[in-house]
PDB file of N, CA and C in Angstrom:
ATOM      1  N   MET A   1      78.019 103.167 259.520  1.00  0.00           N
ATOM      2  CA  MET A   1      77.091 103.369 258.434  1.00  0.00           C
ATOM      3  C   MET A   1      75.691 103.006 258.924  1.00  0.00           C
ATOM      4  N   ALA A   2      74.766 103.913 258.664  1.00  0.00           N
ATOM      5  CA  ALA A   2      73.380 103.681 259.068  1.00  0.00           C
ATOM      6  C   ALA A   2      72.557 103.234 257.867  1.00  0.00           C
ATOM      7  N   THR A   3      71.618 102.325 258.109  1.00  0.00           N
ATOM      8  CA  THR A   3      70.671 101.938 257.073  1.00  0.00           C
ATOM      9  C   THR A   3      69.417 102.774 257.261  1.00  0.00           C
ATOM     10  N   LEU A   4      69.082 103.550 256.248  1.00  0.00           N
ATOM     11  CA  LEU A   4      67.947 104.451 256.310  1.00  0.00           C
ATOM     12  C   LEU A   4      66.665 103.738 255.912  1.00  0.00           C
ATOM     13  N   THR A   5      65.586 104.074 256.579  1.00  0.00           N
ATOM     14  CA  THR A   5      64.271 103.590 256.187  1.00  0.00           C
ATOM     15  C   THR A   5      63.793 104.426 255.016  1.00  0.00           C
ATOM     16  N   VAL A   6      63.340 103.767 253.965  1.00  0.00           N
ATOM     17  CA  VAL A   6      62.812 104.482 252.806  1.00  0.00           C
ATOM     18  C   VAL A   6      61.365 104.865 253.109  1.00  0.00           C
ATOM     19  N   THR A   7      61.084 106.162 253.057  1.00  0.00           N
ATOM     20  CA  THR A   7      59.755 106.686 253.362  1.00  0.00           C
ATOM     21  C   THR A   7      58.892 106.681 252.107  1.00  0.00           C
ATOM     22  N   PRO A   8      57.720 106.035 252.157  1.00  0.00           N
ATOM     23  CA  PRO A   8      56.839 106.047 250.983  1.00  0.00           C
ATOM     24  C   PRO A   8      56.158 107.403 250.819  1.00  0.00           C
ATOM     25  N   VAL A   9      56.065 107.848 249.572  1.00  0.00           N
ATOM     26  CA  VAL A   9      55.348 109.072 249.236  1.00  0.00           C
ATOM     27  C   VAL A   9      54.076 108.633 248.524  1.00  0.00           C
ATOM     28  N   THR A  10      52.939 108.984 249.097  1.00  0.00           N
ATOM     29  CA  THR A  10      51.643 108.570 248.558  1.00  0.00           C
ATOM     30  C   THR A  10      50.802 109.785 248.208  1.00  0.00           C
ATOM     31  N   LEU A  11      49.623 109.538 247.668  1.00  0.00           N
ATOM     32  CA  LEU A  11      48.719 110.636 247.326  1.00  0.00           C
ATOM     33  C   LEU A  11      48.294 111.441 248.536  1.00  0.00           C
ATOM     34  N   SER A  12      48.322 110.825 249.725  1.00  0.00           N
ATOM     35  CA  SER A  12      47.960 111.564 250.932  1.00  0.00           C
ATOM     36  C   SER A  12      49.118 112.418 251.436  1.00  0.00           C
ATOM     37  N   GLY A  13      50.305 112.261 250.847  1.00  0.00           N
ATOM     38  CA  GLY A  13      51.445 113.115 251.159  1.00  0.00           C
ATOM     39  C   GLY A  13      52.277 112.627 252.324  1.00  0.00           C
ATOM     40  N   VAL A  14      53.435 113.258 252.478  1.00  0.00           N
ATOM     41  CA  VAL A  14      54.353 112.965 253.572  1.00  0.00           C
ATOM     42  C   VAL A  14      55.127 114.244 253.870  1.00  0.00           C
ATOM     43  N   ARG A  15      55.358 114.502 255.148  1.00  0.00           N
ATOM     44  CA  ARG A  15      56.195 115.651 255.516  1.00  0.00           C
ATOM     45  C   ARG A  15      57.640 115.201 255.413  1.00  0.00           C
ATOM     46  N   ASP A  16      58.301 115.606 254.346  1.00  0.00           N
ATOM     47  CA  ASP A  16      59.661 115.130 254.125  1.00  0.00           C
ATOM     48  C   ASP A  16      60.647 115.651 255.156  1.00  0.00           C
ATOM     49  N   ASP A  17      60.373 116.795 255.773  1.00  0.00           N
ATOM     50  CA  ASP A  17      61.290 117.297 256.785  1.00  0.00           C
ATOM     51  C   ASP A  17      61.282 116.409 258.027  1.00  0.00           C
ATOM     52  N   ASN A  18      60.167 115.733 258.302  1.00  0.00           N
ATOM     53  CA  ASN A  18      60.107 114.809 259.442  1.00  0.00           C
ATOM     54  C   ASN A  18      60.860 113.517 259.163  1.00  0.00           C
ATOM     55  N   ALA A  19      61.088 113.196 257.893  1.00  0.00           N
ATOM     56  CA  ALA A  19      61.750 111.949 257.519  1.00  0.00           C
ATOM     57  C   ALA A  19      63.265 112.117 257.388  1.00  0.00           C
ATOM     58  N   LEU A  20      63.780 113.323 257.536  1.00  0.00           N
ATOM     59  CA  LEU A  20      65.219 113.546 257.403  1.00  0.00           C
ATOM     60  C   LEU A  20      65.943 113.229 258.705  1.00  0.00           C
ATOM     61  N   VAL A  21      67.130 112.629 258.582  1.00  0.00           N
ATOM     62  CA  VAL A  21      67.951 112.287 259.741  1.00  0.00           C
ATOM     63  C   VAL A  21      69.363 112.810 259.502  1.00  0.00           C
ATOM     64  N   ALA A  22      70.146 112.883 260.544  1.00  0.00           N
ATOM     65  CA  ALA A  22      71.535 113.334 260.418  1.00  0.00           C
ATOM     66  C   ALA A  22      72.325 112.357 259.556  1.00  0.00           C
ATOM     67  N   ALA A  23      73.108 112.883 258.640  1.00  0.00           N
ATOM     68  CA  ALA A  23      73.963 112.052 257.796  1.00  0.00           C
ATOM     69  C   ALA A  23      75.040 111.403 258.667  1.00  0.00           C
ATOM     70  N   ALA A  24      75.301 110.121 258.431  1.00  0.00           N
ATOM     71  CA  ALA A  24      76.303 109.381 259.209  1.00  0.00           C
ATOM     72  C   ALA A  24      77.702 109.640 258.649  1.00  0.00           C
ATOM     73  N   GLY A  25      78.663 109.820 259.540  1.00  0.00           N
ATOM     74  CA  GLY A  25      80.035 110.094 259.134  1.00  0.00           C
ATOM     75  C   GLY A  25      80.641 109.034 258.235  1.00  0.00           C
ATOM     76  N   GLY A  26      80.274 107.780 258.431  1.00  0.00           N
ATOM     77  CA  GLY A  26      80.791 106.695 257.596  1.00  0.00           C
ATOM     78  C   GLY A  26      79.931 106.414 256.387  1.00  0.00           C
ATOM     79  N   GLY A  27      78.916 107.234 256.155  1.00  0.00           N
ATOM     80  CA  GLY A  27      78.004 107.030 255.040  1.00  0.00           C
ATOM     81  C   GLY A  27      76.712 106.383 255.492  1.00  0.00           C
ATOM     82  N   ASP A  28      75.784 106.267 254.581  1.00  0.00           N
ATOM     83  CA  ASP A  28      74.485 105.666 254.835  1.00  0.00           C
ATOM     84  C   ASP A  28      74.178 104.664 253.733  1.00  0.00           C
ATOM     85  N   ALA A  29      73.109 103.903 253.924  1.00  0.00           N
ATOM     86  CA  ALA A  29      72.661 102.946 252.915  1.00  0.00           C
ATOM     87  C   ALA A  29      71.143 102.927 252.911  1.00  0.00           C
ATOM     88  N   PHE A  30      70.573 102.586 251.765  1.00  0.00           N
ATOM     89  CA  PHE A  30      69.121 102.508 251.641  1.00  0.00           C
ATOM     90  C   PHE A  30      68.774 101.526 250.529  1.00  0.00           C
ATOM     91  N   ALA A  31      67.524 101.052 250.540  1.00  0.00           N
ATOM     92  CA  ALA A  31      67.059 100.115 249.518  1.00  0.00           C
ATOM     93  C   ALA A  31      66.809 100.872 248.212  1.00  0.00           C
ATOM     94  N   PRO A  32      67.547 100.530 247.152  1.00  0.00           N
ATOM     95  CA  PRO A  32      67.370 101.237 245.881  1.00  0.00           C
ATOM     96  C   PRO A  32      66.204 100.668 245.073  1.00  0.00           C
ATOM     97  N   SER A  33      65.635 101.504 244.222  1.00  0.00           N
ATOM     98  CA  SER A  33      64.631 101.066 243.251  1.00  0.00           C
ATOM     99  C   SER A  33      64.483 102.164 242.206  1.00  0.00           C
ATOM    100  N   ASP A  34      63.786 101.822 241.144  1.00  0.00           N
ATOM    101  CA  ASP A  34      63.581 102.816 240.094  1.00  0.00           C
ATOM    102  C   ASP A  34      62.547 103.869 240.483  1.00  0.00           C
ATOM    103  N   ARG A  35      61.992 103.767 241.707  1.00  0.00           N
ATOM    104  CA  ARG A  35      61.053 104.768 242.228  1.00  0.00           C
ATOM    105  C   ARG A  35      61.589 105.446 243.490  1.00  0.00           C
ATOM    106  N   THR A  36      62.871 105.241 243.783  1.00  0.00           N
ATOM    107  CA  THR A  36      63.466 105.796 244.998  1.00  0.00           C
ATOM    108  C   THR A  36      64.300 107.028 244.655  1.00  0.00           C
ATOM    109  N   PHE A  37      64.177 108.051 245.486  1.00  0.00           N
ATOM    110  CA  PHE A  37      65.048 109.218 245.356  1.00  0.00           C
ATOM    111  C   PHE A  37      65.581 109.591 246.733  1.00  0.00           C
ATOM    112  N   PHE A  38      66.582 110.455 246.744  1.00  0.00           N
ATOM    113  CA  PHE A  38      67.319 110.762 247.960  1.00  0.00           C
ATOM    114  C   PHE A  38      67.399 112.273 248.111  1.00  0.00           C
ATOM    115  N   ARG A  39      67.041 112.776 249.292  1.00  0.00           N
ATOM    116  CA  ARG A  39      67.111 114.222 249.563  1.00  0.00           C
ATOM    117  C   ARG A  39      68.250 114.499 250.526  1.00  0.00           C
ATOM    118  N   ILE A  40      69.028 115.524 250.213  1.00  0.00           N
ATOM    119  CA  ILE A  40      70.118 115.972 251.081  1.00  0.00           C
ATOM    120  C   ILE A  40      69.913 117.450 251.364  1.00  0.00           C
ATOM    121  N   ASN A  41      69.882 117.787 252.643  1.00  0.00           N
ATOM    122  CA  ASN A  41      69.761 119.173 253.075  1.00  0.00           C
ATOM    123  C   ASN A  41      71.084 119.568 253.715  1.00  0.00           C
ATOM    124  N   ASN A  42      71.806 120.471 253.077  1.00  0.00           N
ATOM    125  CA  ASN A  42      73.099 120.911 253.588  1.00  0.00           C
ATOM    126  C   ASN A  42      72.910 122.199 254.372  1.00  0.00           C
ATOM    127  N   GLY A  43      72.807 122.083 255.690  1.00  0.00           N
ATOM    128  CA  GLY A  43      72.661 123.249 256.554  1.00  0.00           C
ATOM    129  C   GLY A  43      73.996 123.825 256.982  1.00  0.00           C
ATOM    130  N   GLY A  44      75.085 123.284 256.462  1.00  0.00           N
ATOM    131  CA  GLY A  44      76.422 123.740 256.832  1.00  0.00           C
ATOM    132  C   GLY A  44      76.839 124.996 256.087  1.00  0.00           C
ATOM    133  N   GLY A  45      78.044 125.456 256.383  1.00  0.00           N
ATOM    134  CA  GLY A  45      78.555 126.687 255.796  1.00  0.00           C
ATOM    135  C   GLY A  45      79.361 126.498 254.531  1.00  0.00           C
ATOM    136  N   SER A  46      79.580 125.241 254.089  1.00  0.00           N
ATOM    137  CA  SER A  46      80.373 124.960 252.895  1.00  0.00           C
ATOM    138  C   SER A  46      79.671 123.914 252.038  1.00  0.00           C
ATOM    139  N   PRO A  47      79.946 123.936 250.732  1.00  0.00           N
ATOM    140  CA  PRO A  47      79.383 122.899 249.872  1.00  0.00           C
ATOM    141  C   PRO A  47      79.921 121.519 250.261  1.00  0.00           C
ATOM    142  N   ILE A  48      79.141 120.475 249.978  1.00  0.00           N
ATOM    143  CA  ILE A  48      79.592 119.112 250.204  1.00  0.00           C
ATOM    144  C   ILE A  48      79.447 118.318 248.906  1.00  0.00           C
ATOM    145  N   THR A  49      80.149 117.204 248.852  1.00  0.00           N
ATOM    146  CA  THR A  49      80.020 116.280 247.725  1.00  0.00           C
ATOM    147  C   THR A  49      79.378 115.003 248.232  1.00  0.00           C
ATOM    148  N   VAL A  50      78.404 114.512 247.488  1.00  0.00           N
ATOM    149  CA  VAL A  50      77.738 113.255 247.826  1.00  0.00           C
ATOM    150  C   VAL A  50      78.043 112.255 246.719  1.00  0.00           C
ATOM    151  N   THR A  51      78.292 110.996 247.121  1.00  0.00           N
ATOM    152  CA  THR A  51      78.611 109.943 246.159  1.00  0.00           C
ATOM    153  C   THR A  51      77.709 108.743 246.392  1.00  0.00           C
ATOM    154  N   PHE A  52      77.070 108.266 245.323  1.00  0.00           N
ATOM    155  CA  PHE A  52      76.250 107.062 245.360  1.00  0.00           C
ATOM    156  C   PHE A  52      77.045 105.971 244.651  1.00  0.00           C
ATOM    157  N   VAL A  53      77.433 104.951 245.395  1.00  0.00           N
ATOM    158  CA  VAL A  53      78.301 103.898 244.875  1.00  0.00           C
ATOM    159  C   VAL A  53      77.526 103.038 243.872  1.00  0.00           C
ATOM    160  N   THR A  54      78.141 102.779 242.727  1.00  0.00           N
ATOM    161  CA  THR A  54      77.548 101.927 241.700  1.00  0.00           C
ATOM    162  C   THR A  54      78.420 100.683 241.533  1.00  0.00           C
ATOM    163  N   PRO A  55      78.113  99.609 242.289  1.00  0.00           N
ATOM    164  CA  PRO A  55      78.940  98.405 242.230  1.00  0.00           C
ATOM    165  C   PRO A  55      78.664  97.526 241.019  1.00  0.00           C
ATOM    166  N   GLY A  56      77.612  97.847 240.260  1.00  0.00           N
ATOM    167  CA  GLY A  56      77.248  97.007 239.121  1.00  0.00           C
ATOM    168  C   GLY A  56      78.173  97.189 237.938  1.00  0.00           C
ATOM    169  N   LEU A  57      78.002  96.321 236.961  1.00  0.00           N
ATOM    170  CA  LEU A  57      78.756  96.391 235.713  1.00  0.00           C
ATOM    171  C   LEU A  57      77.768  96.550 234.566  1.00  0.00           C
ATOM    172  N   LEU A  58      78.215  97.193 233.507  1.00  0.00           N
ATOM    173  CA  LEU A  58      77.421  97.330 232.297  1.00  0.00           C
ATOM    174  C   LEU A  58      78.273  96.805 231.150  1.00  0.00           C
ATOM    175  N   ASN A  59      77.854  95.712 230.544  1.00  0.00           N
ATOM    176  CA  ASN A  59      78.649  95.055 229.499  1.00  0.00           C
ATOM    177  C   ASN A  59      80.068  94.782 229.979  1.00  0.00           C
ATOM    178  N   SER A  60      80.192  94.302 231.205  1.00  0.00           N
ATOM    179  CA  SER A  60      81.462  93.949 231.846  1.00  0.00           C
ATOM    180  C   SER A  60      82.352  95.149 232.139  1.00  0.00           C
ATOM    181  N   LEU A  61      81.815  96.344 232.051  1.00  0.00           N
ATOM    182  CA  LEU A  61      82.580  97.560 232.338  1.00  0.00           C
ATOM    183  C   LEU A  61      82.110  98.165 233.650  1.00  0.00           C
ATOM    184  N   THR A  62      83.056  98.707 234.407  1.00  0.00           N
ATOM    185  CA  THR A  62      82.735  99.374 235.663  1.00  0.00           C
ATOM    186  C   THR A  62      81.940 100.641 235.381  1.00  0.00           C
ATOM    187  N   ILE A  63      80.916 100.864 236.172  1.00  0.00           N
ATOM    188  CA  ILE A  63      80.093 102.068 236.051  1.00  0.00           C
ATOM    189  C   ILE A  63      80.634 103.107 237.027  1.00  0.00           C
ATOM    190  N   GLY A  64      80.826 104.329 236.577  1.00  0.00           N
ATOM    191  CA  GLY A  64      81.281 105.395 237.463  1.00  0.00           C
ATOM    192  C   GLY A  64      80.236 105.723 238.510  1.00  0.00           C
ATOM    193  N   ASP A  65      80.696 106.065 239.707  1.00  0.00           N
ATOM    194  CA  ASP A  65      79.779 106.422 240.788  1.00  0.00           C
ATOM    195  C   ASP A  65      78.983 107.669 240.422  1.00  0.00           C
ATOM    196  N   ALA A  66      77.762 107.748 240.935  1.00  0.00           N
ATOM    197  CA  ALA A  66      76.888 108.890 240.701  1.00  0.00           C
ATOM    198  C   ALA A  66      76.998 109.862 241.872  1.00  0.00           C
ATOM    199  N   GLY A  67      76.447 111.044 241.716  1.00  0.00           N
ATOM    200  CA  GLY A  67      76.428 112.017 242.806  1.00  0.00           C
ATOM    201  C   GLY A  67      76.693 113.406 242.295  1.00  0.00           C
ATOM    202  N   GLY A  68      77.052 114.280 243.212  1.00  0.00           N
ATOM    203  CA  GLY A  68      77.315 115.655 242.839  1.00  0.00           C
ATOM    204  C   GLY A  68      77.526 116.525 244.056  1.00  0.00           C
ATOM    205  N   SER A  69      77.485 117.817 243.826  1.00  0.00           N
ATOM    206  CA  SER A  69      77.727 118.797 244.874  1.00  0.00           C
ATOM    207  C   SER A  69      76.394 119.338 245.402  1.00  0.00           C
ATOM    208  N   VAL A  70      76.372 119.614 246.698  1.00  0.00           N
ATOM    209  CA  VAL A  70      75.214 120.253 247.323  1.00  0.00           C
ATOM    210  C   VAL A  70      75.720 121.534 247.975  1.00  0.00           C
ATOM    211  N   THR A  71      75.279 122.647 247.440  1.00  0.00           N
ATOM    212  CA  THR A  71      75.705 123.953 247.924  1.00  0.00           C
ATOM    213  C   THR A  71      75.293 124.153 249.373  1.00  0.00           C
ATOM    214  N   ASN A  72      76.117 124.895 250.118  1.00  0.00           N
ATOM    215  CA  ASN A  72      75.764 125.184 251.504  1.00  0.00           C
ATOM    216  C   ASN A  72      74.430 125.919 251.559  1.00  0.00           C
ATOM    217  N   ALA A  73      73.666 125.610 252.618  1.00  0.00           N
ATOM    218  CA  ALA A  73      72.351 126.201 252.880  1.00  0.00           C
ATOM    219  C   ALA A  73      71.332 125.885 251.795  1.00  0.00           C
ATOM    220  N   GLN A  74      71.524 124.760 251.087  1.00  0.00           N
ATOM    221  CA  GLN A  74      70.563 124.345 250.079  1.00  0.00           C
ATOM    222  C   GLN A  74      70.245 122.869 250.227  1.00  0.00           C
ATOM    223  N   SER A  75      69.185 122.463 249.530  1.00  0.00           N
ATOM    224  CA  SER A  75      68.740 121.078 249.514  1.00  0.00           C
ATOM    225  C   SER A  75      68.771 120.586 248.074  1.00  0.00           C
ATOM    226  N   ARG A  76      69.016 119.277 247.911  1.00  0.00           N
ATOM    227  CA  ARG A  76      69.066 118.723 246.559  1.00  0.00           C
ATOM    228  C   ARG A  76      68.479 117.317 246.563  1.00  0.00           C
ATOM    229  N   LEU A  77      67.792 116.976 245.463  1.00  0.00           N
ATOM    230  CA  LEU A  77      67.240 115.639 245.278  1.00  0.00           C
ATOM    231  C   LEU A  77      68.067 114.889 244.244  1.00  0.00           C
ATOM    232  N   PHE A  78      68.283 113.590 244.489  1.00  0.00           N
ATOM    233  CA  PHE A  78      68.985 112.718 243.558  1.00  0.00           C
ATOM    234  C   PHE A  78      68.114 111.493 243.309  1.00  0.00           C
ATOM    235  N   GLY A  79      68.218 110.898 242.146  1.00  0.00           N
ATOM    236  CA  GLY A  79      67.522 109.651 241.865  1.00  0.00           C
ATOM    237  C   GLY A  79      66.985 109.638 240.453  1.00  0.00           C
ATOM    238  N   PRO A  80      66.353 108.550 240.072  1.00  0.00           N
ATOM    239  CA  PRO A  80      66.088 107.315 240.807  1.00  0.00           C
ATOM    240  C   PRO A  80      67.335 106.427 240.886  1.00  0.00           C
ATOM    241  N   PHE A  81      67.210 105.336 241.615  1.00  0.00           N
ATOM    242  CA  PHE A  81      68.330 104.433 241.889  1.00  0.00           C
ATOM    243  C   PHE A  81      67.961 102.991 241.530  1.00  0.00           C
ATOM    244  N   PRO A  82      67.985 102.630 240.233  1.00  0.00           N
ATOM    245  CA  PRO A  82      67.640 101.261 239.848  1.00  0.00           C
ATOM    246  C   PRO A  82      68.558 100.256 240.550  1.00  0.00           C
ATOM    247  N   ALA A  83      67.952  99.224 241.113  1.00  0.00           N
ATOM    248  CA  ALA A  83      68.711  98.234 241.884  1.00  0.00           C
ATOM    249  C   ALA A  83      69.797  97.567 241.055  1.00  0.00           C
ATOM    250  N   GLU A  84      69.548  97.346 239.777  1.00  0.00           N
ATOM    251  CA  GLU A  84      70.561  96.667 238.955  1.00  0.00           C
ATOM    252  C   GLU A  84      71.850  97.468 238.812  1.00  0.00           C
ATOM    253  N   LEU A  85      71.802  98.761 239.079  1.00  0.00           N
ATOM    254  CA  LEU A  85      73.000  99.603 239.023  1.00  0.00           C
ATOM    255  C   LEU A  85      73.559  99.951 240.399  1.00  0.00           C
ATOM    256  N   PHE A  86      72.664 100.095 241.396  1.00  0.00           N
ATOM    257  CA  PHE A  86      73.087 100.644 242.682  1.00  0.00           C
ATOM    258  C   PHE A  86      73.098  99.660 243.849  1.00  0.00           C
ATOM    259  N   ALA A  87      72.514  98.489 243.713  1.00  0.00           N
ATOM    260  CA  ALA A  87      72.440  97.551 244.840  1.00  0.00           C
ATOM    261  C   ALA A  87      73.776  96.845 245.051  1.00  0.00           C
ATOM    262  N   ASP A  88      74.292  96.923 246.269  1.00  0.00           N
ATOM    263  CA  ASP A  88      75.493  96.184 246.634  1.00  0.00           C
ATOM    264  C   ASP A  88      75.175  94.693 246.509  1.00  0.00           C
ATOM    265  N   PRO A  89      76.053  93.901 245.876  1.00  0.00           N
ATOM    266  CA  PRO A  89      75.737  92.488 245.671  1.00  0.00           C
ATOM    267  C   PRO A  89      75.595  91.693 246.973  1.00  0.00           C
ATOM    268  N   THR A  90      76.183  92.150 248.059  1.00  0.00           N
ATOM    269  CA  THR A  90      76.104  91.440 249.334  1.00  0.00           C
ATOM    270  C   THR A  90      74.890  91.866 250.146  1.00  0.00           C
ATOM    271  N   THR A  91      74.660  93.169 250.251  1.00  0.00           N
ATOM    272  CA  THR A  91      73.589  93.683 251.120  1.00  0.00           C
ATOM    273  C   THR A  91      72.305  94.022 250.386  1.00  0.00           C
ATOM    274  N   GLY A  92      72.393  94.270 249.092  1.00  0.00           N
ATOM    275  CA  GLY A  92      71.236  94.708 248.328  1.00  0.00           C
ATOM    276  C   GLY A  92      70.912  96.172 248.508  1.00  0.00           C
ATOM    277  N   LEU A  93      71.778  96.908 249.220  1.00  0.00           N
ATOM    278  CA  LEU A  93      71.533  98.321 249.519  1.00  0.00           C
ATOM    279  C   LEU A  93      72.411  99.236 248.668  1.00  0.00           C
ATOM    280  N   CYS A  94      71.955 100.459 248.474  1.00  0.00           N
ATOM    281  CA  CYS A  94      72.745 101.503 247.833  1.00  0.00           C
ATOM    282  C   CYS A  94      73.526 102.224 248.920  1.00  0.00           C
ATOM    283  N   VAL A  95      74.823 102.369 248.719  1.00  0.00           N
ATOM    284  CA  VAL A  95      75.685 103.045 249.683  1.00  0.00           C
ATOM    285  C   VAL A  95      75.910 104.489 249.222  1.00  0.00           C
ATOM    286  N   VAL A  96      75.753 105.425 250.159  1.00  0.00           N
ATOM    287  CA  VAL A  96      75.968 106.844 249.875  1.00  0.00           C
ATOM    288  C   VAL A  96      76.982 107.383 250.871  1.00  0.00           C
ATOM    289  N   THR A  97      77.933 108.171 250.380  1.00  0.00           N
ATOM    290  CA  THR A  97      78.937 108.787 251.251  1.00  0.00           C
ATOM    291  C   THR A  97      78.928 110.302 251.039  1.00  0.00           C
ATOM    292  N   TYR A  98      79.486 111.010 252.033  1.00  0.00           N
ATOM    293  CA  TYR A  98      79.473 112.471 252.025  1.00  0.00           C
ATOM    294  C   TYR A  98      80.876 112.990 252.339  1.00  0.00           C
ATOM    295  N   SER A  99      81.233 114.124 251.745  1.00  0.00           N
ATOM    296  CA  SER A  99      82.532 114.721 252.036  1.00  0.00           C
ATOM    297  C   SER A  99      82.538 115.395 253.407  1.00  0.00           C
ATOM    298  N   ALA A 100      81.371 115.720 253.929  1.00  0.00           N
ATOM    299  CA  ALA A 100      81.217 116.298 255.269  1.00  0.00           C
ATOM    300  C   ALA A 100      79.799 116.008 255.737  1.00  0.00           C
ATOM    301  N   VAL A 101      79.607 115.958 257.055  1.00  0.00           N
ATOM    302  CA  VAL A 101      78.271 115.646 257.571  1.00  0.00           C
ATOM    303  C   VAL A 101      77.758 116.652 258.596  1.00  0.00           C
ATOM    304  N   THR A 102      78.565 117.649 258.953  1.00  0.00           N
ATOM    305  CA  THR A 102      78.125 118.634 259.934  1.00  0.00           C
ATOM    306  C   THR A 102      76.943 119.422 259.382  1.00  0.00           C
ATOM    307  N   SER A 103      75.838 119.407 260.094  1.00  0.00           N
ATOM    308  CA  SER A 103      74.602 120.105 259.725  1.00  0.00           C
ATOM    309  C   SER A 103      73.994 119.580 258.424  1.00  0.00           C
ATOM    310  N   VAL A 104      74.246 118.308 258.118  1.00  0.00           N
ATOM    311  CA  VAL A 104      73.695 117.693 256.907  1.00  0.00           C
ATOM    312  C   VAL A 104      72.635 116.668 257.326  1.00  0.00           C
ATOM    313  N   THR A 105      71.440 116.787 256.744  1.00  0.00           N
ATOM    314  CA  THR A 105      70.380 115.808 256.982  1.00  0.00           C
ATOM    315  C   THR A 105      69.988 115.173 255.652  1.00  0.00           C
ATOM    316  N   VAL A 106      69.550 113.917 255.746  1.00  0.00           N
ATOM    317  CA  VAL A 106      69.268 113.156 254.542  1.00  0.00           C
ATOM    318  C   VAL A 106      68.007 112.324 254.721  1.00  0.00           C
ATOM    319  N   GLY A 107      67.442 111.887 253.615  1.00  0.00           N
ATOM    320  CA  GLY A 107      66.292 110.995 253.654  1.00  0.00           C
ATOM    321  C   GLY A 107      66.124 110.289 252.326  1.00  0.00           C
ATOM    322  N   ALA A 108      65.662 109.042 252.384  1.00  0.00           N
ATOM    323  CA  ALA A 108      65.363 108.257 251.188  1.00  0.00           C
ATOM    324  C   ALA A 108      63.849 108.137 251.055  1.00  0.00           C
ATOM    325  N   PHE A 109      63.344 108.340 249.858  1.00  0.00           N
ATOM    326  CA  PHE A 109      61.912 108.350 249.603  1.00  0.00           C
ATOM    327  C   PHE A 109      61.580 107.488 248.388  1.00  0.00           C
ATOM    328  N   ARG A 110      60.406 106.878 248.421  1.00  0.00           N
ATOM    329  CA  ARG A 110      59.960 106.049 247.311  1.00  0.00           C
ATOM    330  C   ARG A 110      58.573 106.505 246.900  1.00  0.00           C
ATOM    331  N   ILE A 111      58.386 106.735 245.607  1.00  0.00           N
ATOM    332  CA  ILE A 111      57.089 107.102 245.082  1.00  0.00           C
ATOM    333  C   ILE A 111      56.261 105.823 244.964  1.00  0.00           C
ATOM    334  N   ASP A 112      55.198 105.732 245.734  1.00  0.00           N
ATOM    335  CA  ASP A 112      54.304 104.576 245.671  1.00  0.00           C
ATOM    336  C   ASP A 112      53.221 104.831 244.640  1.00  0.00           C
ATOM    337  N   ARG A 113      52.837 103.777 243.978  1.00  0.00           N
ATOM    338  CA  ARG A 113      51.758 103.887 242.998  1.00  0.00           C
ATOM    339  C   ARG A 113      50.426 103.660 243.686  1.00  0.00           C
ATOM    340  N   PRO A 114      49.404 104.438 243.289  1.00  0.00           N
ATOM    341  CA  PRO A 114      48.084 104.271 243.936  1.00  0.00           C
ATOM    342  C   PRO A 114      47.462 102.935 243.598  1.00  0.00           C
TER     343      PRO A 114
END
């Protein structure tokens, strides 16, 4: 599992394609926040499923994991990821897993306030 650097998005902009890295076979992790989002580019020939683990509880009830499908040859954005729902209690990171990683690139981004 790789820990991804969260790329800040500012008024001066960021080239998001330069911030994308190959998805790790065992999943990835990133620092969650209510201003963080996650981009997945599926360059493969089949759809994939992405899962964002939600280890938190809401009123003592387990929260279902978030995520969805990313069609082949398409890109999708997910987020935001409030830490109180997505931060692992041990690492403080949000864990993301993929059903496949061939030709899949990912990146974590945070909207910075001016």
